[in-house]
C-alpha atoms as a PDB file:
ATOM      1  CA  MET A   1      -0.193   0.085  -0.041  1.00  0.00           C
ATOM      2  CA  ASN A   2       2.993   2.184   0.776  1.00  0.00           C
ATOM      3  CA  VAL A   3       4.472   2.130  -2.260  1.00  0.00           C
ATOM      4  CA  ILE A   4       1.058   3.228  -4.595  1.00  0.00           C
ATOM      5  CA  MET A   5       1.375   5.741  -1.871  1.00  0.00           C
ATOM      6  CA  GLU A   6       4.528   6.545  -3.612  1.00  0.00           C
ATOM      7  CA  ILE A   7       3.634   6.237  -6.640  1.00  0.00           C
ATOM      8  CA  ILE A   8       0.695   8.349  -6.478  1.00  0.00           C
ATOM      9  CA  GLN A   9       2.441  10.919  -5.239  1.00  0.00           C
ATOM     10  CA  GLY A  10       5.299  11.067  -7.664  1.00  0.00           C
ATOM     11  CA  LEU A  11       2.642  10.899 -10.775  1.00  0.00           C
ATOM     12  CA  GLY A  12       1.190  13.710  -8.856  1.00  0.00           C
ATOM     13  CA  GLY A  13       4.187  16.243  -8.785  1.00  0.00           C
ATOM     14  CA  ILE A  14       4.777  14.959 -12.009  1.00  0.00           C
ATOM     15  CA  LEU A  15       2.234  17.079 -12.941  1.00  0.00           C
ATOM     16  CA  LEU A  16       2.912  19.683 -10.889  1.00  0.00           C
ATOM     17  CA  SER A  17       5.721  20.625 -12.521  1.00  0.00           C
ATOM     18  CA  LEU A  18       3.926  20.066 -15.734  1.00  0.00           C
ATOM     19  CA  ILE A  19       1.477  22.829 -14.472  1.00  0.00           C
ATOM     20  CA  ASN A  20       3.733  25.747 -13.549  1.00  0.00           C
ATOM     21  CA  VAL A  21       5.750  25.343 -16.675  1.00  0.00           C
ATOM     22  CA  TYR A  22       2.587  25.818 -18.631  1.00  0.00           C
ATOM     23  CA  ILE A  23       1.540  28.476 -16.411  1.00  0.00           C
ATOM     24  CA  TRP A  24       5.255  29.758 -17.451  1.00  0.00           C
ATOM     25  CA  VAL A  25       4.881  29.110 -21.319  1.00  0.00           C
ATOM     26  CA  ILE A  26       1.479  31.855 -20.572  1.00  0.00           C
ATOM     27  CA  ILE A  27       3.442  34.079 -19.362  1.00  0.00           C
ATOM     28  CA  ALA A  28       6.448  34.361 -21.747  1.00  0.00           C
ATOM     29  CA  THR A  29       3.264  34.459 -24.723  1.00  0.00           C
ATOM     30  CA  ALA A  30       1.762  36.868 -22.721  1.00  0.00           C
ATOM     31  CA  LEU A  31       4.599  39.132 -22.306  1.00  0.00           C
ATOM     32  CA  MET A  32       5.347  37.729 -26.426  1.00  0.00           C
ATOM     33  CA  SER A  33       2.097  40.193 -27.179  1.00  0.00           C
ATOM     34  CA  PHE A  34       3.330  43.189 -26.028  1.00  0.00           C
ATOM     35  CA  ILE A  35       6.351  43.188 -27.967  1.00  0.00           C
ATOM     36  CA  ASN A  36       4.992  41.335 -31.615  1.00  0.00           C
ATOM     37  CA  PRO A  37       7.062  39.092 -32.328  1.00  0.00           C
ATOM     38  CA  ASP A  38       7.174  37.966 -36.268  1.00  0.00           C
ATOM     39  CA  PRO A  39       4.716  34.940 -36.316  1.00  0.00           C
ATOM     40  CA  TYR A  40       7.006  33.177 -38.419  1.00  0.00           C
ATOM     41  CA  ASN A  41       9.138  32.289 -36.065  1.00  0.00           C
ATOM     42  CA  PRO A  42       9.449  28.339 -35.178  1.00  0.00           C
ATOM     43  CA  VAL A  43       8.601  29.288 -31.198  1.00  0.00           C
ATOM     44  CA  VAL A  44       6.089  31.412 -30.976  1.00  0.00           C
ATOM     45  CA  GLN A  45       4.296  29.834 -33.142  1.00  0.00           C
ATOM     46  CA  PHE A  46       5.443  26.289 -31.187  1.00  0.00           C
ATOM     47  CA  LEU A  47       3.414  28.845 -28.411  1.00  0.00           C
ATOM     48  CA  TYR A  48       0.902  29.569 -29.783  1.00  0.00           C
ATOM     49  CA  ARG A  49      -0.140  26.113 -31.054  1.00  0.00           C
ATOM     50  CA  ILE A  50       0.214  25.183 -27.364  1.00  0.00           C
ATOM     51  CA  THR A  51      -1.713  28.090 -25.600  1.00  0.00           C
ATOM     52  CA  ASN A  52      -4.537  29.417 -27.763  1.00  0.00           C
ATOM     53  CA  PRO A  53      -6.743  26.409 -26.992  1.00  0.00           C
ATOM     54  CA  ALA A  54      -6.598  27.583 -23.437  1.00  0.00           C
ATOM     55  CA  TYR A  55      -7.571  31.029 -24.940  1.00  0.00           C
ATOM     56  CA  SER A  56     -10.218  29.901 -26.952  1.00  0.00           C
ATOM     57  CA  TYR A  57     -11.717  27.692 -24.161  1.00  0.00           C
ATOM     58  CA  VAL A  58     -12.126  30.936 -21.621  1.00  0.00           C
ATOM     59  CA  ARG A  59     -13.187  33.392 -24.099  1.00  0.00           C
ATOM     60  CA  ARG A  60     -15.885  30.943 -25.292  1.00  0.00           C
ATOM     61  CA  TYR A  61     -17.152  31.075 -21.403  1.00  0.00           C
ATOM     62  CA  ILE A  62     -15.716  34.615 -19.809  1.00  0.00           C
ATOM     63  CA  ARG A  63     -15.673  38.131 -21.862  1.00  0.00           C
ATOM     64  CA  THR A  64     -11.442  38.741 -21.562  1.00  0.00           C
ATOM     65  CA  ASP A  65     -11.125  41.640 -23.160  1.00  0.00           C
ATOM     66  CA  PHE A  66     -11.313  45.251 -21.456  1.00  0.00           C
ATOM     67  CA  GLY A  67     -10.467  48.241 -23.129  1.00  0.00           C
ATOM     68  CA  GLY A  68      -7.863  46.554 -25.259  1.00  0.00           C
ATOM     69  CA  LEU A  69      -6.105  44.413 -22.968  1.00  0.00           C
ATOM     70  CA  ASP A  70      -6.738  40.363 -23.107  1.00  0.00           C
ATOM     71  CA  LEU A  71      -7.155  39.197 -19.414  1.00  0.00           C
ATOM     72  CA  ALA A  72      -7.903  35.606 -20.508  1.00  0.00           C
ATOM     73  CA  PRO A  73      -3.352  34.736 -19.156  1.00  0.00           C
ATOM     74  CA  LEU A  74      -4.148  35.939 -16.363  1.00  0.00           C
ATOM     75  CA  ILE A  75      -8.220  34.271 -16.114  1.00  0.00           C
ATOM     76  CA  ILE A  76      -6.266  31.034 -17.062  1.00  0.00           C
ATOM     77  CA  ILE A  77      -3.103  31.509 -14.476  1.00  0.00           C
ATOM     78  CA  ILE A  78      -5.761  31.578 -11.558  1.00  0.00           C
ATOM     79  CA  GLY A  79      -7.120  28.623 -12.068  1.00  0.00           C
ATOM     80  CA  LEU A  80      -4.141  26.693 -12.832  1.00  0.00           C
ATOM     81  CA  GLN A  81      -2.799  28.175  -9.871  1.00  0.00           C
ATOM     82  CA  ALA A  82      -6.318  27.604  -7.527  1.00  0.00           C
ATOM     83  CA  ILE A  83      -5.968  23.509  -9.140  1.00  0.00           C
ATOM     84  CA  VAL A  84      -1.731  23.445  -7.969  1.00  0.00           C
ATOM     85  CA  VAL A  85      -3.472  24.331  -4.313  1.00  0.00           C
ATOM     86  CA  VAL A  86      -5.702  22.211  -4.459  1.00  0.00           C
ATOM     87  CA  PHE A  87      -3.899  19.484  -5.790  1.00  0.00           C
ATOM     88  CA  SER A  88      -0.819  19.690  -3.776  1.00  0.00           C
ATOM     89  CA  SER A  89      -3.083  19.562  -0.875  1.00  0.00           C
ATOM     90  CA  LEU A  90      -4.514  16.201  -1.491  1.00  0.00           C
ATOM     91  CA  LEU A  91      -1.136  14.907  -2.019  1.00  0.00           C
ATOM     92  CA  TYR A  92      -0.092  16.151   1.282  1.00  0.00           C
ATOM     93  CA  SER A  93      -2.788  14.547   2.727  1.00  0.00           C
ATOM     94  CA  LEU A  94      -2.138  11.279   1.341  1.00  0.00           C
ATOM     95  CA  HIS A  95       1.557  11.859   2.983  1.00  0.00           C
END
């Protein structure tokens, strides 16, 4: 039983790390929108490709454009941080 808990905690730690990496990707993409990078750059295309599905999902349900400023990245980051807090407390309670 102890081995199963260790495996679950390890997988949970990996999931939390992936969520944190995705948060940093969203921050980088949001900052790039201020400098208007080359849209043909492969790194820019990759970042837009992995963040646009989340942006479009949030924009479908919530109005995010306020005065020309898109708040979709902020809403996603707040939601992901809430998930991190809840999930890490669940993992800690397994210990």
